[in-house]
Amino acid sequence: MTRIGLISDTHNYLDDAVFKHFEKCDEIWHAGDFGSAIVSDKLKAFRPLRGVYGNIDGFDIRSEFPEKLRFKCEDIEVLMTHIGGYPGRYSPGIKPELTANPPQLFICGHSHILKVIYDDKLKFLHMNPGAAGNTGWHMIRTIIRFVIDGKDMRQCEVIELGHR
């Protein structure tokens, strides 16, 4: 069983509450727009970190994190990128890969819109944790916690960090 803390769009702001909410997580996954290496360094010092760079990230983040990351967590194949869209409206840069080789879990950020949706057509779960930072048009900062246990994804919890 692997407990995941999912975060995105920190935009160089990392609320101390994230550490409390991710305290029992085994890994943290960041879906881009870290803002700076200060954010990634704090997360890496706390728990193992996987991530992708976002459109606002500079060389410090882009030199460490890829644009797309495909990996296995237990028996679940995961694909993560920053700009990905959502079921029925995937971004042109990722749609061919999603249709040709769909993962079981597709994660993205960018929109600042929290979404957890099963794609009935492509048969995978899509997650966007919303935005955890103070920059953007979102009103409430959000993160997600969930569990991967073999082939099962469960115990998905949306956590509100408060107003930006």
C-alpha atoms as a PDB file:
ATOM      1  CA  MET A   1       0.000   0.000   0.000  1.00  0.00           C
ATOM      2  CA  THR A   2       1.347   3.419  -1.005  1.00  0.00           C
ATOM      3  CA  ARG A   3      -0.151   6.616   0.389  1.00  0.00           C
ATOM      4  CA  ILE A   4       0.140   9.542  -2.052  1.00  0.00           C
ATOM      5  CA  GLY A   5      -0.033  13.272  -1.450  1.00  0.00           C
ATOM      6  CA  LEU A   6      -0.923  15.042  -4.714  1.00  0.00           C
ATOM      7  CA  ILE A   7      -0.266  18.754  -5.157  1.00  0.00           C
ATOM      8  CA  SER A   8       0.032  21.216  -8.022  1.00  0.00           C
ATOM      9  CA  ASP A   9       0.350  24.878  -8.891  1.00  0.00           C
ATOM     10  CA  THR A  10       2.131  26.006  -5.745  1.00  0.00           C
ATOM     11  CA  HIS A  11       3.545  29.002  -7.639  1.00  0.00           C
ATOM     12  CA  ASN A  12       6.374  29.429  -5.124  1.00  0.00           C
ATOM     13  CA  TYR A  13       4.047  29.228  -2.095  1.00  0.00           C
ATOM     14  CA  LEU A  14       4.012  26.176   0.150  1.00  0.00           C
ATOM     15  CA  ASP A  15       1.531  26.280   3.023  1.00  0.00           C
ATOM     16  CA  ASP A  16       2.886  24.642   6.195  1.00  0.00           C
ATOM     17  CA  ALA A  17      -0.438  22.768   6.443  1.00  0.00           C
ATOM     18  CA  VAL A  18       0.664  20.629   3.479  1.00  0.00           C
ATOM     19  CA  PHE A  19       3.212  18.909   5.725  1.00  0.00           C
ATOM     20  CA  LYS A  20       0.561  18.119   8.325  1.00  0.00           C
ATOM     21  CA  HIS A  21      -1.852  16.728   5.710  1.00  0.00           C
ATOM     22  CA  PHE A  22       0.882  14.699   3.977  1.00  0.00           C
ATOM     23  CA  GLU A  23       2.407  13.466   7.241  1.00  0.00           C
ATOM     24  CA  LYS A  24       1.256   9.864   6.703  1.00  0.00           C
ATOM     25  CA  CYS A  25       1.972   9.854   2.943  1.00  0.00           C
ATOM     26  CA  ASP A  26       4.730   7.678   1.527  1.00  0.00           C
ATOM     27  CA  GLU A  27       5.305   9.879  -1.534  1.00  0.00           C
ATOM     28  CA  ILE A  28       4.411  13.350  -2.770  1.00  0.00           C
ATOM     29  CA  TRP A  29       3.561  13.932  -6.424  1.00  0.00           C
ATOM     30  CA  HIS A  30       3.664  17.488  -7.796  1.00  0.00           C
ATOM     31  CA  ALA A  31       1.883  18.136 -11.116  1.00  0.00           C
ATOM     32  CA  GLY A  32       3.862  21.239 -12.085  1.00  0.00           C
ATOM     33  CA  ASP A  33       4.174  24.969 -11.541  1.00  0.00           C
ATOM     34  CA  PHE A  34       6.374  24.576  -8.468  1.00  0.00           C
ATOM     35  CA  GLY A  35       7.490  28.178  -8.856  1.00  0.00           C
ATOM     36  CA  SER A  36      11.029  27.578  -7.640  1.00  0.00           C
ATOM     37  CA  ALA A  37      13.407  24.929  -6.360  1.00  0.00           C
ATOM     38  CA  ILE A  38      12.737  26.199  -2.832  1.00  0.00           C
ATOM     39  CA  VAL A  39       9.334  24.461  -3.006  1.00  0.00           C
ATOM     40  CA  SER A  40      10.681  21.217  -4.490  1.00  0.00           C
ATOM     41  CA  ASP A  41      13.581  21.156  -2.000  1.00  0.00           C
ATOM     42  CA  LYS A  42      11.211  21.486   0.980  1.00  0.00           C
ATOM     43  CA  LEU A  43       8.988  18.702  -0.364  1.00  0.00           C
ATOM     44  CA  LYS A  44      11.992  16.428  -1.130  1.00  0.00           C
ATOM     45  CA  ALA A  45      13.329  16.946   2.386  1.00  0.00           C
ATOM     46  CA  PHE A  46       9.976  15.818   3.773  1.00  0.00           C
ATOM     47  CA  ARG A  47       9.066  12.796   1.582  1.00  0.00           C
ATOM     48  CA  PRO A  48      10.159  11.177  -1.702  1.00  0.00           C
ATOM     49  CA  LEU A  49       9.007  13.478  -4.514  1.00  0.00           C
ATOM     50  CA  ARG A  50       7.948  12.831  -8.090  1.00  0.00           C
ATOM     51  CA  GLY A  51       7.016  15.739 -10.292  1.00  0.00           C
ATOM     52  CA  VAL A  52       6.833  17.434 -13.658  1.00  0.00           C
ATOM     53  CA  TYR A  53       7.617  20.986 -14.604  1.00  0.00           C
ATOM     54  CA  GLY A  54       4.893  23.475 -15.415  1.00  0.00           C
ATOM     55  CA  ASN A  55       4.634  26.405 -17.767  1.00  0.00           C
ATOM     56  CA  ILE A  56       5.811  28.958 -15.169  1.00  0.00           C
ATOM     57  CA  ASP A  57       8.778  26.902 -13.974  1.00  0.00           C
ATOM     58  CA  GLY A  58      12.283  28.068 -14.799  1.00  0.00           C
ATOM     59  CA  PHE A  59      15.540  26.279 -15.476  1.00  0.00           C
ATOM     60  CA  ASP A  60      15.982  25.216 -11.836  1.00  0.00           C
ATOM     61  CA  ILE A  61      12.840  23.055 -11.997  1.00  0.00           C
ATOM     62  CA  ARG A  62      13.066  22.105 -15.698  1.00  0.00           C
ATOM     63  CA  SER A  63      16.592  20.785 -15.211  1.00  0.00           C
ATOM     64  CA  GLU A  64      15.378  18.406 -12.496  1.00  0.00           C
ATOM     65  CA  PHE A  65      11.841  17.419 -13.523  1.00  0.00           C
ATOM     66  CA  PRO A  66      10.548  16.265 -16.941  1.00  0.00           C
ATOM     67  CA  GLU A  67       7.590  17.616 -18.897  1.00  0.00           C
ATOM     68  CA  LYS A  68       5.898  14.195 -18.758  1.00  0.00           C
ATOM     69  CA  LEU A  69       6.472  11.376 -16.328  1.00  0.00           C
ATOM     70  CA  ARG A  70       5.231   7.811 -16.848  1.00  0.00           C
ATOM     71  CA  PHE A  71       5.862   5.346 -14.038  1.00  0.00           C
ATOM     72  CA  LYS A  72       4.358   2.460 -12.095  1.00  0.00           C
ATOM     73  CA  CYS A  73       3.192   2.770  -8.538  1.00  0.00           C
ATOM     74  CA  GLU A  74       2.494  -0.731  -7.318  1.00  0.00           C
ATOM     75  CA  ASP A  75       0.347  -2.208 -10.150  1.00  0.00           C
ATOM     76  CA  ILE A  76      -0.950   1.135 -11.454  1.00  0.00           C
ATOM     77  CA  GLU A  77       0.579   2.831 -14.481  1.00  0.00           C
ATOM     78  CA  VAL A  78       0.623   6.585 -13.947  1.00  0.00           C
ATOM     79  CA  LEU A  79       1.093   9.371 -16.488  1.00  0.00           C
ATOM     80  CA  MET A  80       1.657  12.867 -15.156  1.00  0.00           C
ATOM     81  CA  THR A  81       2.079  16.164 -17.005  1.00  0.00           C
ATOM     82  CA  HIS A  82       1.241  19.760 -16.189  1.00  0.00           C
ATOM     83  CA  ILE A  83      -0.991  20.799 -19.094  1.00  0.00           C
ATOM     84  CA  GLY A  84      -3.303  17.882 -19.774  1.00  0.00           C
ATOM     85  CA  GLY A  85      -6.939  18.929 -19.952  1.00  0.00           C
ATOM     86  CA  TYR A  86      -9.648  16.550 -18.795  1.00  0.00           C
ATOM     87  CA  PRO A  87     -11.922  13.791 -20.175  1.00  0.00           C
ATOM     88  CA  GLY A  88     -13.391  14.847 -23.492  1.00  0.00           C
ATOM     89  CA  ARG A  89     -11.055  17.878 -23.684  1.00  0.00           C
ATOM     90  CA  TYR A  90      -7.467  16.663 -23.461  1.00  0.00           C
ATOM     91  CA  SER A  91      -4.685  18.998 -24.537  1.00  0.00           C
ATOM     92  CA  PRO A  92      -3.241  18.369 -28.024  1.00  0.00           C
ATOM     93  CA  GLY A  93       0.229  17.720 -26.572  1.00  0.00           C
ATOM     94  CA  ILE A  94      -0.928  14.718 -24.516  1.00  0.00           C
ATOM     95  CA  LYS A  95      -4.042  13.412 -26.284  1.00  0.00           C
ATOM     96  CA  PRO A  96      -2.201  11.123 -28.775  1.00  0.00           C
ATOM     97  CA  GLU A  97      -0.322   9.391 -25.947  1.00  0.00           C
ATOM     98  CA  LEU A  98      -3.481   9.009 -23.854  1.00  0.00           C
ATOM     99  CA  THR A  99      -5.387   7.408 -26.709  1.00  0.00           C
ATOM    100  CA  ALA A 100      -2.538   5.216 -28.022  1.00  0.00           C
ATOM    101  CA  ASN A 101      -1.283   4.022 -24.640  1.00  0.00           C
ATOM    102  CA  PRO A 102      -3.682   4.951 -21.838  1.00  0.00           C
ATOM    103  CA  PRO A 103      -2.428   4.717 -18.254  1.00  0.00           C
ATOM    104  CA  GLN A 104      -4.648   3.646 -15.366  1.00  0.00           C
ATOM    105  CA  LEU A 105      -4.162   7.060 -13.737  1.00  0.00           C
ATOM    106  CA  PHE A 106      -3.653  10.365 -15.546  1.00  0.00           C
ATOM    107  CA  ILE A 107      -2.608  13.371 -13.456  1.00  0.00           C
ATOM    108  CA  CYS A 108      -2.248  16.989 -14.491  1.00  0.00           C
ATOM    109  CA  GLY A 109      -2.456  20.470 -13.037  1.00  0.00           C
ATOM    110  CA  HIS A 110      -2.480  23.881 -14.779  1.00  0.00           C
ATOM    111  CA  SER A 111      -6.195  24.705 -14.771  1.00  0.00           C
ATOM    112  CA  HIS A 112      -6.361  25.344 -11.002  1.00  0.00           C
ATOM    113  CA  ILE A 113      -9.643  23.373 -11.165  1.00  0.00           C
ATOM    114  CA  LEU A 114      -9.921  20.393  -8.844  1.00  0.00           C
ATOM    115  CA  LYS A 115     -11.163  17.324 -10.738  1.00  0.00           C
ATOM    116  CA  VAL A 116     -11.330  13.608 -10.035  1.00  0.00           C
ATOM    117  CA  ILE A 117     -13.123  12.003 -12.980  1.00  0.00           C
ATOM    118  CA  TYR A 118     -13.206   8.534 -14.483  1.00  0.00           C
ATOM    119  CA  ASP A 119     -12.807   8.639 -18.258  1.00  0.00           C
ATOM    120  CA  ASP A 120     -15.333   6.052 -19.479  1.00  0.00           C
ATOM    121  CA  LYS A 121     -14.080   6.228 -23.061  1.00  0.00           C
ATOM    122  CA  LEU A 122     -10.354   5.706 -22.378  1.00  0.00           C
ATOM    123  CA  LYS A 123     -10.912   3.705 -19.163  1.00  0.00           C
ATOM    124  CA  PHE A 124      -8.685   5.527 -16.687  1.00  0.00           C
ATOM    125  CA  LEU A 125      -8.956   7.803 -13.683  1.00  0.00           C
ATOM    126  CA  HIS A 126      -8.085  11.475 -14.194  1.00  0.00           C
ATOM    127  CA  MET A 127      -6.954  13.636 -11.259  1.00  0.00           C
ATOM    128  CA  ASN A 128      -6.178  17.333 -11.031  1.00  0.00           C
ATOM    129  CA  PRO A 129      -5.550  18.470  -7.449  1.00  0.00           C
ATOM    130  CA  GLY A 130      -6.441  22.081  -8.194  1.00  0.00           C
ATOM    131  CA  ALA A 131      -4.012  24.733  -6.976  1.00  0.00           C
ATOM    132  CA  ALA A 132      -2.207  24.876  -3.632  1.00  0.00           C
ATOM    133  CA  GLY A 133      -0.603  28.275  -4.164  1.00  0.00           C
ATOM    134  CA  ASN A 134      -1.759  31.849  -3.748  1.00  0.00           C
ATOM    135  CA  THR A 135      -1.461  32.870  -7.416  1.00  0.00           C
ATOM    136  CA  GLY A 136      -4.279  32.353  -9.920  1.00  0.00           C
ATOM    137  CA  TRP A 137      -8.009  32.741 -10.165  1.00  0.00           C
ATOM    138  CA  HIS A 138      -8.983  29.848  -7.844  1.00  0.00           C
ATOM    139  CA  MET A 139     -10.626  30.879  -4.589  1.00  0.00           C
ATOM    140  CA  ILE A 140      -9.806  27.840  -2.405  1.00  0.00           C
ATOM    141  CA  ARG A 141      -6.384  26.160  -2.296  1.00  0.00           C
ATOM    142  CA  THR A 142      -6.657  22.361  -2.585  1.00  0.00           C
ATOM    143  CA  ILE A 143      -4.598  19.167  -2.468  1.00  0.00           C
ATOM    144  CA  ILE A 144      -5.519  15.456  -2.694  1.00  0.00           C
ATOM    145  CA  ARG A 145      -4.557  12.433  -0.637  1.00  0.00           C
ATOM    146  CA  PHE A 146      -5.190   8.883  -1.861  1.00  0.00           C
ATOM    147  CA  VAL A 147      -3.990   5.300  -1.624  1.00  0.00           C
ATOM    148  CA  ILE A 148      -2.720   2.905  -4.268  1.00  0.00           C
ATOM    149  CA  ASP A 149      -2.932  -0.680  -3.095  1.00  0.00           C
ATOM    150  CA  GLY A 150      -1.913  -3.130  -5.811  1.00  0.00           C
ATOM    151  CA  LYS A 151      -4.394  -2.500  -8.612  1.00  0.00           C
ATOM    152  CA  ASP A 152      -6.769  -0.484  -6.428  1.00  0.00           C
ATOM    153  CA  MET A 153      -6.932   3.281  -6.048  1.00  0.00           C
ATOM    154  CA  ARG A 154      -8.972   4.276  -3.020  1.00  0.00           C
ATOM    155  CA  GLN A 155      -9.472   6.570  -0.045  1.00  0.00           C
ATOM    156  CA  CYS A 156      -9.345   9.686  -2.213  1.00  0.00           C
ATOM    157  CA  GLU A 157      -9.602  12.750   0.030  1.00  0.00           C
ATOM    158  CA  VAL A 158      -9.850  16.342  -1.141  1.00  0.00           C
ATOM    159  CA  ILE A 159      -8.269  18.720   1.355  1.00  0.00           C
ATOM    160  CA  GLU A 160      -9.054  22.422   1.370  1.00  0.00           C
ATOM    161  CA  LEU A 161      -6.153  24.554   2.591  1.00  0.00           C
ATOM    162  CA  GLY A 162      -8.249  27.709   2.808  1.00  0.00           C
ATOM    163  CA  HIS A 163      -8.709  30.860   0.770  1.00  0.00           C
ATOM    164  CA  ARG A 164      -5.817  32.165  -1.274  1.00  0.00           C
END
